[in-house]
Amino acid sequence: MTLATDNREMSPVARHIARSAARLFAERGYDATSVREIVEAAGVAKPTLYYYFRSKEGLAQALMTVPLAGLVAALRQFVTTEDNAIHCMQRVLEAHYAFCREDPDRARFIYGLIFGPLRSQVAEDLEPLKAELLGWTEAAVRRLAEAGLVARERLEGCSAVLRGLIVISTLDFLYGDRALGRDLAVRQVDEVLSGFGFGNGRAREGLEGNK
């Protein structure tokens, strides 16, 4: 049996177990949630969970490592193949938001690991992926500077603002019940460029050119 990985590749039963676990992990924390509680919430027997995920740790990996690796791959593709630096930045932000919209409980579980106990083994497993997500997001910001859209001396501040927007927007969605509209990334890049670059709604112009 191949270990279940991304939600899109899972059978309906495995997907149901994973979503039940994500909800419990998000509400109680990974370490505080037992296999018994997961199978009771999912309405399945323990052997069914073990058949699809082998262990609680395997279930956590299916919810965390594989989906985040897919997000990293998407960011890498945008940064390395998108010709327009504005479109690249828009797509990077939207990819973060789409990840949260796709499975909010999974995203809450991941945020719980990021902001939870530092000694958690599962949280430590997350560190390399966090570094890659940060690296490709910052690479997209550097492309704005290379395109002359952000002053190079303000690059660090611009990067901090965009990363902050990702965190604040997703936290507001996940914990504050605020919408993550599909035009949010476009509006945010436009606003940031108006403040850190040369204004004139350059991101909006980029959007029009992409239609």
N, C-alpha and C. Protein backbone atom coordinates (compact mmCIF):
# COMPACT_ATOMS: atom_id res chain seq x y z
N MET A 1 0.84 -1.21 0.00
CA MET A 1 0.00 0.00 0.00
C MET A 1 0.87 1.25 0.00
N THR A 2 0.66 2.14 -0.94
CA THR A 2 1.40 3.39 -0.99
C THR A 2 0.83 4.37 0.03
N LEU A 3 1.69 4.99 0.80
CA LEU A 3 1.25 5.95 1.81
C LEU A 3 0.49 7.08 1.16
N ALA A 4 -0.70 7.42 1.71
CA ALA A 4 -1.48 8.54 1.19
C ALA A 4 -0.70 9.83 1.36
N THR A 5 -0.78 10.70 0.37
CA THR A 5 0.02 11.91 0.42
C THR A 5 -0.86 13.14 0.31
N ASP A 6 -0.84 13.81 -0.83
CA ASP A 6 -1.63 15.02 -1.01
C ASP A 6 -3.11 14.68 -1.00
N ASN A 7 -3.93 15.61 -0.48
CA ASN A 7 -5.38 15.38 -0.43
C ASN A 7 -5.96 15.02 -1.79
N ARG A 8 -5.42 15.61 -2.85
CA ARG A 8 -5.95 15.37 -4.19
C ARG A 8 -5.67 13.96 -4.66
N GLU A 9 -4.69 13.27 -4.05
CA GLU A 9 -4.34 11.92 -4.46
C GLU A 9 -4.98 10.87 -3.56
N MET A 10 -5.63 11.27 -2.48
CA MET A 10 -6.16 10.34 -1.51
C MET A 10 -7.48 9.73 -1.98
N SER A 11 -7.75 8.54 -1.49
CA SER A 11 -9.08 7.95 -1.68
C SER A 11 -10.06 8.73 -0.82
N PRO A 12 -11.36 8.59 -1.06
CA PRO A 12 -12.34 9.30 -0.23
C PRO A 12 -12.21 8.98 1.26
N VAL A 13 -11.93 7.71 1.59
CA VAL A 13 -11.79 7.33 3.00
C VAL A 13 -10.56 8.00 3.61
N ALA A 14 -9.43 7.94 2.92
CA ALA A 14 -8.21 8.56 3.44
C ALA A 14 -8.38 10.06 3.57
N ARG A 15 -9.05 10.67 2.61
CA ARG A 15 -9.28 12.12 2.67
C ARG A 15 -10.14 12.47 3.87
N HIS A 16 -11.15 11.65 4.14
CA HIS A 16 -12.02 11.89 5.29
C HIS A 16 -11.23 11.78 6.60
N ILE A 17 -10.39 10.77 6.71
CA ILE A 17 -9.56 10.61 7.91
C ILE A 17 -8.63 11.80 8.06
N ALA A 18 -8.00 12.22 6.97
CA ALA A 18 -7.05 13.34 7.03
C ALA A 18 -7.74 14.63 7.45
N ARG A 19 -8.93 14.88 6.92
CA ARG A 19 -9.65 16.10 7.29
C ARG A 19 -10.09 16.06 8.75
N SER A 20 -10.51 14.90 9.21
CA SER A 20 -10.88 14.76 10.62
C SER A 20 -9.67 15.01 11.52
N ALA A 21 -8.53 14.46 11.13
CA ALA A 21 -7.31 14.66 11.92
C ALA A 21 -6.88 16.13 11.90
N ALA A 22 -6.95 16.76 10.74
CA ALA A 22 -6.56 18.16 10.64
C ALA A 22 -7.40 19.03 11.56
N ARG A 23 -8.68 18.73 11.61
CA ARG A 23 -9.57 19.52 12.47
C ARG A 23 -9.17 19.34 13.94
N LEU A 24 -8.88 18.11 14.35
CA LEU A 24 -8.48 17.87 15.73
C LEU A 24 -7.11 18.47 16.03
N PHE A 25 -6.17 18.31 15.09
CA PHE A 25 -4.84 18.90 15.30
C PHE A 25 -4.94 20.42 15.44
N ALA A 26 -5.82 21.02 14.63
CA ALA A 26 -5.98 22.47 14.68
C ALA A 26 -6.60 22.92 15.99
N GLU A 27 -7.55 22.12 16.50
CA GLU A 27 -8.25 22.51 17.72
C GLU A 27 -7.46 22.20 18.99
N ARG A 28 -6.76 21.04 19.01
CA ARG A 28 -6.15 20.57 20.25
C ARG A 28 -4.63 20.56 20.22
N GLY A 29 -4.06 20.60 19.02
CA GLY A 29 -2.63 20.43 18.89
C GLY A 29 -2.29 19.00 18.52
N TYR A 30 -1.19 18.83 17.82
CA TYR A 30 -0.79 17.50 17.34
C TYR A 30 -0.51 16.55 18.50
N ASP A 31 0.33 16.97 19.43
CA ASP A 31 0.75 16.07 20.51
C ASP A 31 -0.40 15.70 21.42
N ALA A 32 -1.39 16.58 21.56
CA ALA A 32 -2.50 16.33 22.48
C ALA A 32 -3.61 15.48 21.85
N THR A 33 -3.48 15.16 20.59
CA THR A 33 -4.51 14.38 19.88
C THR A 33 -4.06 12.93 19.73
N SER A 34 -4.87 12.00 20.17
CA SER A 34 -4.51 10.59 20.10
C SER A 34 -5.09 9.94 18.84
N VAL A 35 -4.53 8.80 18.48
CA VAL A 35 -5.06 8.03 17.35
C VAL A 35 -6.51 7.63 17.63
N ARG A 36 -6.80 7.26 18.87
CA ARG A 36 -8.17 6.88 19.22
C ARG A 36 -9.15 8.02 18.94
N GLU A 37 -8.77 9.23 19.29
CA GLU A 37 -9.65 10.37 19.05
C GLU A 37 -9.84 10.62 17.56
N ILE A 38 -8.79 10.41 16.79
CA ILE A 38 -8.89 10.62 15.34
C ILE A 38 -9.85 9.62 14.72
N VAL A 39 -9.69 8.35 15.06
CA VAL A 39 -10.55 7.34 14.43
C VAL A 39 -12.00 7.48 14.90
N GLU A 40 -12.19 7.89 16.15
CA GLU A 40 -13.55 8.12 16.62
C GLU A 40 -14.20 9.28 15.87
N ALA A 41 -13.44 10.35 15.67
CA ALA A 41 -13.98 11.51 14.94
C ALA A 41 -14.27 11.15 13.49
N ALA A 42 -13.44 10.29 12.92
CA ALA A 42 -13.61 9.91 11.51
C ALA A 42 -14.62 8.78 11.34
N GLY A 43 -14.94 8.09 12.44
CA GLY A 43 -15.88 6.97 12.34
C GLY A 43 -15.29 5.76 11.65
N VAL A 44 -13.98 5.52 11.85
CA VAL A 44 -13.33 4.36 11.25
C VAL A 44 -12.58 3.60 12.35
N ALA A 45 -12.11 2.42 12.02
CA ALA A 45 -11.32 1.62 12.95
C ALA A 45 -9.86 1.98 12.83
N LYS A 46 -9.09 1.70 13.90
CA LYS A 46 -7.66 2.00 13.87
C LYS A 46 -6.94 1.34 12.69
N PRO A 47 -7.23 0.07 12.37
CA PRO A 47 -6.54 -0.54 11.24
C PRO A 47 -6.75 0.22 9.93
N THR A 48 -7.88 0.89 9.79
CA THR A 48 -8.11 1.66 8.57
C THR A 48 -7.15 2.84 8.49
N LEU A 49 -6.97 3.53 9.61
CA LEU A 49 -6.00 4.65 9.63
C LEU A 49 -4.60 4.13 9.32
N TYR A 50 -4.23 3.01 9.96
CA TYR A 50 -2.88 2.48 9.74
C TYR A 50 -2.70 1.98 8.30
N TYR A 51 -3.77 1.50 7.69
CA TYR A 51 -3.69 1.02 6.31
C TYR A 51 -3.31 2.17 5.37
N TYR A 52 -3.93 3.33 5.58
CA TYR A 52 -3.69 4.46 4.68
C TYR A 52 -2.46 5.29 5.07
N PHE A 53 -2.18 5.40 6.37
CA PHE A 53 -1.15 6.35 6.80
C PHE A 53 -0.03 5.72 7.64
N ARG A 54 -0.19 4.43 8.02
CA ARG A 54 0.82 3.69 8.77
C ARG A 54 0.93 4.10 10.24
N SER A 55 0.80 5.41 10.52
CA SER A 55 0.96 5.89 11.89
C SER A 55 0.39 7.31 11.98
N LYS A 56 0.31 7.79 13.22
CA LYS A 56 -0.09 9.18 13.43
C LYS A 56 0.92 10.12 12.76
N GLU A 57 2.20 9.78 12.85
CA GLU A 57 3.23 10.60 12.22
C GLU A 57 3.06 10.62 10.70
N GLY A 58 2.71 9.46 10.12
CA GLY A 58 2.48 9.42 8.69
C GLY A 58 1.30 10.26 8.28
N LEU A 59 0.29 10.30 9.13
CA LEU A 59 -0.87 11.14 8.87
C LEU A 59 -0.47 12.61 8.91
N ALA A 60 0.36 12.99 9.87
CA ALA A 60 0.83 14.38 9.95
C ALA A 60 1.63 14.75 8.71
N GLN A 61 2.46 13.81 8.24
CA GLN A 61 3.25 14.09 7.04
C GLN A 61 2.35 14.28 5.83
N ALA A 62 1.28 13.48 5.74
CA ALA A 62 0.36 13.62 4.61
C ALA A 62 -0.33 14.97 4.63
N LEU A 63 -0.56 15.50 5.83
CA LEU A 63 -1.23 16.80 5.95
C LEU A 63 -0.26 17.96 5.79
N MET A 64 1.01 17.72 6.03
CA MET A 64 1.96 18.83 6.12
C MET A 64 3.03 18.79 5.02
N THR A 65 3.86 17.77 5.03
CA THR A 65 5.06 17.78 4.20
C THR A 65 4.74 17.77 2.71
N VAL A 66 3.91 16.82 2.29
CA VAL A 66 3.64 16.70 0.86
C VAL A 66 2.90 17.93 0.31
N PRO A 67 1.81 18.40 0.96
CA PRO A 67 1.15 19.61 0.43
C PRO A 67 2.06 20.83 0.41
N LEU A 68 2.86 21.02 1.46
CA LEU A 68 3.76 22.17 1.48
C LEU A 68 4.85 22.05 0.41
N ALA A 69 5.30 20.83 0.16
CA ALA A 69 6.27 20.63 -0.92
C ALA A 69 5.65 21.02 -2.26
N GLY A 70 4.35 20.75 -2.42
CA GLY A 70 3.66 21.18 -3.64
C GLY A 70 3.59 22.69 -3.74
N LEU A 71 3.36 23.36 -2.62
CA LEU A 71 3.34 24.83 -2.63
C LEU A 71 4.71 25.38 -2.96
N VAL A 72 5.76 24.80 -2.40
CA VAL A 72 7.13 25.22 -2.72
C VAL A 72 7.38 25.07 -4.22
N ALA A 73 6.96 23.94 -4.79
CA ALA A 73 7.17 23.70 -6.22
C ALA A 73 6.45 24.74 -7.06
N ALA A 74 5.24 25.12 -6.64
CA ALA A 74 4.50 26.14 -7.38
C ALA A 74 5.21 27.48 -7.33
N LEU A 75 5.70 27.87 -6.15
CA LEU A 75 6.42 29.14 -6.04
C LEU A 75 7.68 29.14 -6.90
N ARG A 76 8.39 28.02 -6.86
CA ARG A 76 9.60 27.91 -7.68
C ARG A 76 9.28 28.09 -9.16
N GLN A 77 8.20 27.48 -9.60
CA GLN A 77 7.82 27.59 -11.01
C GLN A 77 7.49 29.04 -11.38
N PHE A 78 6.74 29.73 -10.52
CA PHE A 78 6.39 31.11 -10.81
C PHE A 78 7.64 31.99 -10.91
N VAL A 79 8.54 31.81 -9.95
CA VAL A 79 9.73 32.67 -9.90
C VAL A 79 10.66 32.41 -11.08
N THR A 80 10.74 31.17 -11.52
CA THR A 80 11.71 30.81 -12.54
C THR A 80 11.16 30.84 -13.97
N THR A 81 9.83 30.90 -14.14
CA THR A 81 9.29 30.84 -15.49
C THR A 81 8.43 32.03 -15.88
N GLU A 82 7.88 32.76 -14.91
CA GLU A 82 7.00 33.88 -15.23
C GLU A 82 7.84 35.08 -15.69
N ASP A 83 7.59 35.56 -16.90
CA ASP A 83 8.37 36.66 -17.46
C ASP A 83 8.10 37.99 -16.76
N ASN A 84 6.87 38.22 -16.38
CA ASN A 84 6.48 39.50 -15.79
C ASN A 84 6.66 39.45 -14.27
N ALA A 85 7.48 40.33 -13.72
CA ALA A 85 7.78 40.31 -12.28
C ALA A 85 6.55 40.60 -11.44
N ILE A 86 5.64 41.43 -11.94
CA ILE A 86 4.43 41.74 -11.20
C ILE A 86 3.52 40.52 -11.14
N HIS A 87 3.32 39.88 -12.28
CA HIS A 87 2.50 38.67 -12.31
C HIS A 87 3.10 37.61 -11.40
N CYS A 88 4.41 37.50 -11.38
CA CYS A 88 5.10 36.53 -10.53
C CYS A 88 4.75 36.78 -9.08
N MET A 89 4.85 38.01 -8.62
CA MET A 89 4.56 38.33 -7.22
C MET A 89 3.10 38.08 -6.90
N GLN A 90 2.22 38.44 -7.81
CA GLN A 90 0.79 38.19 -7.61
C GLN A 90 0.53 36.69 -7.45
N ARG A 91 1.15 35.89 -8.29
CA ARG A 91 0.91 34.45 -8.25
C ARG A 91 1.49 33.83 -6.99
N VAL A 92 2.60 34.34 -6.52
CA VAL A 92 3.19 33.83 -5.29
C VAL A 92 2.25 34.08 -4.11
N LEU A 93 1.73 35.30 -4.00
CA LEU A 93 0.78 35.59 -2.92
C LEU A 93 -0.48 34.74 -3.06
N GLU A 94 -1.03 34.68 -4.26
CA GLU A 94 -2.27 33.92 -4.46
C GLU A 94 -2.06 32.44 -4.15
N ALA A 95 -0.87 31.89 -4.43
CA ALA A 95 -0.61 30.49 -4.11
C ALA A 95 -0.69 30.24 -2.61
N HIS A 96 -0.15 31.16 -1.81
CA HIS A 96 -0.27 31.05 -0.36
C HIS A 96 -1.74 31.07 0.07
N TYR A 97 -2.50 31.97 -0.53
CA TYR A 97 -3.91 32.10 -0.15
C TYR A 97 -4.73 30.89 -0.60
N ALA A 98 -4.46 30.41 -1.79
CA ALA A 98 -5.18 29.24 -2.30
C ALA A 98 -4.91 28.01 -1.43
N PHE A 99 -3.68 27.90 -0.92
CA PHE A 99 -3.32 26.79 -0.04
C PHE A 99 -4.21 26.80 1.20
N CYS A 100 -4.46 27.97 1.76
CA CYS A 100 -5.31 28.08 2.95
C CYS A 100 -6.78 27.85 2.61
N ARG A 101 -7.22 28.38 1.47
CA ARG A 101 -8.62 28.19 1.10
C ARG A 101 -8.93 26.72 0.83
N GLU A 102 -7.96 26.00 0.28
CA GLU A 102 -8.18 24.60 -0.10
C GLU A 102 -8.53 23.73 1.10
N ASP A 103 -7.87 23.95 2.23
CA ASP A 103 -8.11 23.15 3.42
C ASP A 103 -7.76 23.99 4.65
N PRO A 104 -8.70 24.78 5.15
CA PRO A 104 -8.41 25.68 6.28
C PRO A 104 -7.91 24.96 7.53
N ASP A 105 -8.49 23.79 7.85
CA ASP A 105 -8.03 23.08 9.04
C ASP A 105 -6.58 22.64 8.90
N ARG A 106 -6.22 22.19 7.72
CA ARG A 106 -4.81 21.82 7.48
C ARG A 106 -3.91 23.02 7.70
N ALA A 107 -4.32 24.18 7.20
CA ALA A 107 -3.51 25.39 7.37
C ALA A 107 -3.42 25.78 8.84
N ARG A 108 -4.52 25.63 9.59
CA ARG A 108 -4.49 25.94 11.03
C ARG A 108 -3.54 24.98 11.76
N PHE A 109 -3.56 23.72 11.36
CA PHE A 109 -2.63 22.74 11.94
C PHE A 109 -1.19 23.18 11.71
N ILE A 110 -0.89 23.61 10.50
CA ILE A 110 0.48 24.02 10.17
C ILE A 110 0.86 25.28 10.95
N TYR A 111 -0.05 26.24 11.02
CA TYR A 111 0.24 27.44 11.82
C TYR A 111 0.44 27.08 13.29
N GLY A 112 -0.33 26.12 13.77
CA GLY A 112 -0.16 25.68 15.15
C GLY A 112 1.24 25.12 15.40
N LEU A 113 1.77 24.41 14.40
CA LEU A 113 3.14 23.91 14.52
C LEU A 113 4.15 25.05 14.48
N ILE A 114 3.92 26.02 13.60
CA ILE A 114 4.86 27.13 13.45
C ILE A 114 4.94 27.95 14.74
N PHE A 115 3.79 28.20 15.36
CA PHE A 115 3.76 29.05 16.53
C PHE A 115 3.67 28.27 17.83
N GLY A 116 3.75 26.93 17.74
CA GLY A 116 3.63 26.10 18.93
C GLY A 116 4.97 25.83 19.59
N PRO A 117 5.03 24.78 20.43
CA PRO A 117 6.26 24.45 21.16
C PRO A 117 7.44 24.23 20.22
N LEU A 118 8.57 24.80 20.59
CA LEU A 118 9.75 24.75 19.72
C LEU A 118 10.36 23.36 19.65
N ARG A 119 10.15 22.54 20.64
CA ARG A 119 10.80 21.23 20.69
C ARG A 119 9.98 20.13 20.03
N SER A 120 8.85 20.47 19.46
CA SER A 120 8.04 19.45 18.81
C SER A 120 8.77 18.88 17.61
N GLN A 121 8.85 17.55 17.52
CA GLN A 121 9.54 16.91 16.41
C GLN A 121 8.85 17.21 15.08
N VAL A 122 7.53 17.20 15.10
CA VAL A 122 6.80 17.50 13.87
C VAL A 122 7.08 18.92 13.43
N ALA A 123 7.16 19.85 14.38
CA ALA A 123 7.47 21.24 14.04
C ALA A 123 8.88 21.35 13.46
N GLU A 124 9.80 20.58 13.99
CA GLU A 124 11.17 20.59 13.45
C GLU A 124 11.20 20.09 12.02
N ASP A 125 10.37 19.10 11.72
CA ASP A 125 10.30 18.57 10.36
C ASP A 125 9.81 19.63 9.38
N LEU A 126 9.12 20.62 9.89
CA LEU A 126 8.56 21.68 9.06
C LEU A 126 9.59 22.72 8.65
N GLU A 127 10.68 22.83 9.41
CA GLU A 127 11.64 23.92 9.23
C GLU A 127 12.21 24.03 7.81
N PRO A 128 12.66 22.93 7.18
CA PRO A 128 13.22 23.07 5.82
C PRO A 128 12.21 23.61 4.82
N LEU A 129 10.95 23.20 4.95
CA LEU A 129 9.92 23.70 4.04
C LEU A 129 9.63 25.17 4.30
N LYS A 130 9.61 25.58 5.56
CA LYS A 130 9.44 27.00 5.89
C LYS A 130 10.53 27.83 5.23
N ALA A 131 11.76 27.34 5.30
CA ALA A 131 12.88 28.07 4.71
C ALA A 131 12.72 28.19 3.20
N GLU A 132 12.27 27.12 2.55
CA GLU A 132 12.08 27.18 1.10
C GLU A 132 10.95 28.12 0.71
N LEU A 133 9.85 28.10 1.47
CA LEU A 133 8.75 29.01 1.19
C LEU A 133 9.21 30.46 1.32
N LEU A 134 9.95 30.74 2.37
CA LEU A 134 10.47 32.09 2.56
C LEU A 134 11.43 32.47 1.44
N GLY A 135 12.29 31.54 1.07
CA GLY A 135 13.29 31.82 0.05
C GLY A 135 12.68 32.17 -1.29
N TRP A 136 11.67 31.40 -1.73
CA TRP A 136 11.07 31.67 -3.03
C TRP A 136 10.19 32.91 -3.00
N THR A 137 9.58 33.19 -1.84
CA THR A 137 8.80 34.42 -1.73
C THR A 137 9.72 35.64 -1.82
N GLU A 138 10.85 35.57 -1.16
CA GLU A 138 11.82 36.67 -1.23
C GLU A 138 12.42 36.78 -2.63
N ALA A 139 12.58 35.66 -3.30
CA ALA A 139 13.09 35.70 -4.68
C ALA A 139 12.13 36.45 -5.59
N ALA A 140 10.83 36.27 -5.36
CA ALA A 140 9.84 37.00 -6.15
C ALA A 140 9.93 38.50 -5.90
N VAL A 141 10.21 38.89 -4.66
CA VAL A 141 10.38 40.32 -4.33
C VAL A 141 11.63 40.87 -5.02
N ARG A 142 12.70 40.10 -5.03
CA ARG A 142 13.93 40.55 -5.70
C ARG A 142 13.69 40.79 -7.18
N ARG A 143 12.81 39.99 -7.78
CA ARG A 143 12.51 40.19 -9.19
C ARG A 143 11.86 41.55 -9.43
N LEU A 144 11.08 42.03 -8.46
CA LEU A 144 10.49 43.36 -8.58
C LEU A 144 11.58 44.42 -8.63
N ALA A 145 12.61 44.25 -7.81
CA ALA A 145 13.73 45.20 -7.82
C ALA A 145 14.50 45.10 -9.12
N GLU A 146 14.72 43.90 -9.60
CA GLU A 146 15.45 43.71 -10.85
C GLU A 146 14.71 44.33 -12.03
N ALA A 147 13.38 44.38 -11.93
CA ALA A 147 12.57 44.97 -13.00
C ALA A 147 12.42 46.48 -12.84
N GLY A 148 13.05 47.05 -11.81
CA GLY A 148 12.98 48.49 -11.59
C GLY A 148 11.68 48.96 -10.97
N LEU A 149 10.95 48.05 -10.34
CA LEU A 149 9.66 48.39 -9.75
C LEU A 149 9.75 48.70 -8.26
N VAL A 150 10.83 48.30 -7.64
CA VAL A 150 11.07 48.60 -6.23
C VAL A 150 12.50 49.12 -6.12
N ALA A 151 12.66 50.22 -5.39
CA ALA A 151 13.99 50.76 -5.17
C ALA A 151 14.83 49.74 -4.40
N ARG A 152 16.04 49.47 -4.86
CA ARG A 152 16.85 48.42 -4.26
C ARG A 152 17.15 48.68 -2.79
N GLU A 153 17.29 49.95 -2.43
CA GLU A 153 17.58 50.25 -1.04
C GLU A 153 16.37 50.01 -0.13
N ARG A 154 15.20 49.79 -0.73
CA ARG A 154 13.99 49.53 0.05
C ARG A 154 13.53 48.08 -0.08
N LEU A 155 14.39 47.26 -0.64
CA LEU A 155 14.01 45.87 -0.93
C LEU A 155 13.70 45.09 0.35
N GLU A 156 14.53 45.28 1.38
CA GLU A 156 14.31 44.54 2.62
C GLU A 156 12.97 44.91 3.25
N GLY A 157 12.65 46.19 3.25
CA GLY A 157 11.38 46.62 3.82
C GLY A 157 10.21 46.13 3.01
N CYS A 158 10.34 46.15 1.70
CA CYS A 158 9.27 45.67 0.83
C CYS A 158 9.02 44.18 1.06
N SER A 159 10.10 43.42 1.20
CA SER A 159 9.98 41.99 1.45
C SER A 159 9.27 41.73 2.78
N ALA A 160 9.63 42.50 3.80
CA ALA A 160 9.00 42.32 5.11
C ALA A 160 7.50 42.63 5.04
N VAL A 161 7.13 43.67 4.29
CA VAL A 161 5.72 44.03 4.17
C VAL A 161 4.95 42.92 3.46
N LEU A 162 5.47 42.41 2.37
CA LEU A 162 4.76 41.37 1.62
C LEU A 162 4.63 40.08 2.43
N ARG A 163 5.70 39.71 3.13
CA ARG A 163 5.61 38.52 3.97
C ARG A 163 4.61 38.74 5.10
N GLY A 164 4.61 39.94 5.64
CA GLY A 164 3.64 40.25 6.68
C GLY A 164 2.21 40.21 6.17
N LEU A 165 2.00 40.67 4.95
CA LEU A 165 0.65 40.62 4.37
C LEU A 165 0.17 39.18 4.21
N ILE A 166 1.07 38.29 3.82
CA ILE A 166 0.70 36.89 3.68
C ILE A 166 0.26 36.34 5.02
N VAL A 167 1.05 36.58 6.06
CA VAL A 167 0.73 36.04 7.38
C VAL A 167 -0.55 36.65 7.92
N ILE A 168 -0.67 37.97 7.87
CA ILE A 168 -1.85 38.64 8.43
C ILE A 168 -3.11 38.25 7.67
N SER A 169 -3.03 38.22 6.35
CA SER A 169 -4.21 37.89 5.55
C SER A 169 -4.68 36.46 5.80
N THR A 170 -3.74 35.53 5.90
CA THR A 170 -4.13 34.14 6.13
C THR A 170 -4.62 33.93 7.56
N LEU A 171 -3.99 34.59 8.53
CA LEU A 171 -4.47 34.47 9.91
C LEU A 171 -5.86 35.07 10.06
N ASP A 172 -6.11 36.21 9.42
CA ASP A 172 -7.44 36.81 9.46
C ASP A 172 -8.49 35.88 8.86
N PHE A 173 -8.11 35.17 7.81
CA PHE A 173 -9.02 34.21 7.18
C PHE A 173 -9.25 33.00 8.07
N LEU A 174 -8.17 32.45 8.61
CA LEU A 174 -8.26 31.21 9.36
C LEU A 174 -8.86 31.38 10.75
N TYR A 175 -8.58 32.51 11.38
CA TYR A 175 -9.02 32.70 12.76
C TYR A 175 -9.96 33.88 12.94
N GLY A 176 -10.09 34.74 11.95
CA GLY A 176 -10.95 35.91 12.08
C GLY A 176 -12.13 35.91 11.15
N ASP A 177 -12.27 34.84 10.37
CA ASP A 177 -13.42 34.68 9.48
C ASP A 177 -13.51 35.80 8.45
N ARG A 178 -12.36 36.27 7.99
CA ARG A 178 -12.33 37.29 6.93
C ARG A 178 -12.01 36.62 5.61
N ALA A 179 -12.61 37.12 4.55
CA ALA A 179 -12.47 36.49 3.24
C ALA A 179 -11.05 36.64 2.70
N LEU A 180 -10.65 35.62 1.93
CA LEU A 180 -9.41 35.69 1.15
C LEU A 180 -9.82 35.76 -0.31
N GLY A 181 -10.24 36.93 -0.76
CA GLY A 181 -10.74 37.09 -2.12
C GLY A 181 -9.70 36.75 -3.16
N ARG A 182 -10.16 36.31 -4.32
CA ARG A 182 -9.23 35.91 -5.37
C ARG A 182 -8.57 37.11 -6.04
N ASP A 183 -9.04 38.31 -5.73
CA ASP A 183 -8.37 39.50 -6.25
C ASP A 183 -7.46 40.14 -5.20
N LEU A 184 -7.37 39.52 -4.01
CA LEU A 184 -6.61 40.11 -2.92
C LEU A 184 -5.14 40.27 -3.27
N ALA A 185 -4.53 39.24 -3.86
CA ALA A 185 -3.11 39.30 -4.18
C ALA A 185 -2.81 40.44 -5.14
N VAL A 186 -3.67 40.63 -6.14
CA VAL A 186 -3.48 41.72 -7.11
C VAL A 186 -3.53 43.07 -6.41
N ARG A 187 -4.54 43.25 -5.56
CA ARG A 187 -4.68 44.53 -4.86
C ARG A 187 -3.51 44.80 -3.93
N GLN A 188 -3.05 43.75 -3.24
CA GLN A 188 -1.95 43.95 -2.30
C GLN A 188 -0.65 44.31 -3.01
N VAL A 189 -0.35 43.63 -4.10
CA VAL A 189 0.87 43.96 -4.84
C VAL A 189 0.79 45.38 -5.39
N ASP A 190 -0.37 45.77 -5.87
CA ASP A 190 -0.57 47.13 -6.37
C ASP A 190 -0.29 48.14 -5.26
N GLU A 191 -0.87 47.91 -4.08
CA GLU A 191 -0.71 48.85 -2.98
C GLU A 191 0.74 48.93 -2.50
N VAL A 192 1.40 47.77 -2.45
CA VAL A 192 2.79 47.76 -2.00
C VAL A 192 3.69 48.49 -3.00
N LEU A 193 3.47 48.24 -4.28
CA LEU A 193 4.28 48.93 -5.27
C LEU A 193 4.03 50.43 -5.26
N SER A 194 2.84 50.84 -4.95
CA SER A 194 2.54 52.26 -4.86
C SER A 194 3.29 52.90 -3.71
N GLY A 195 3.59 52.10 -2.67
CA GLY A 195 4.30 52.65 -1.52
C GLY A 195 5.80 52.48 -1.58
N PHE A 196 6.27 51.39 -2.20
CA PHE A 196 7.70 51.10 -2.20
C PHE A 196 8.37 51.35 -3.55
N GLY A 197 7.57 51.51 -4.59
CA GLY A 197 8.17 51.70 -5.90
C GLY A 197 7.94 53.10 -6.39
N PHE A 198 7.35 53.20 -7.55
CA PHE A 198 7.18 54.49 -8.19
C PHE A 198 5.73 54.84 -8.40
N GLY A 199 4.81 54.04 -7.74
CA GLY A 199 3.39 54.38 -7.77
C GLY A 199 2.74 54.09 -9.10
N ASN A 200 1.66 54.83 -9.37
CA ASN A 200 0.94 54.77 -10.64
C ASN A 200 0.25 53.44 -10.89
N GLY A 201 0.02 52.65 -9.82
CA GLY A 201 -0.73 51.41 -10.00
C GLY A 201 -0.07 50.45 -10.96
N ARG A 202 1.24 50.25 -10.84
CA ARG A 202 1.94 49.41 -11.80
C ARG A 202 1.45 47.97 -11.76
N ALA A 203 1.06 47.48 -10.58
CA ALA A 203 0.55 46.11 -10.52
C ALA A 203 -0.76 45.98 -11.27
N ARG A 204 -1.62 47.00 -11.19
CA ARG A 204 -2.88 46.96 -11.93
C ARG A 204 -2.62 46.94 -13.43
N GLU A 205 -1.61 47.69 -13.84
CA GLU A 205 -1.25 47.66 -15.27
C GLU A 205 -0.78 46.27 -15.67
N GLY A 206 -0.04 45.63 -14.76
CA GLY A 206 0.44 44.27 -15.04
C GLY A 206 -0.71 43.31 -15.19
N LEU A 207 -1.73 43.48 -14.36
CA LEU A 207 -2.89 42.61 -14.46
C LEU A 207 -3.59 42.78 -15.78
N GLU A 208 -3.78 44.05 -16.20
CA GLU A 208 -4.45 44.30 -17.47
C GLU A 208 -3.68 43.68 -18.62
N GLY A 209 -2.35 43.71 -18.52
CA GLY A 209 -1.55 43.16 -19.60
C GLY A 209 -1.58 41.65 -19.66
N ASN A 210 -2.08 41.03 -18.57
CA ASN A 210 -2.12 39.58 -18.52
C ASN A 210 -3.45 39.01 -18.99
N LYS A 211 -4.41 39.89 -19.28
CA LYS A 211 -5.73 39.43 -19.72
C LYS A 211 -5.69 38.98 -21.17
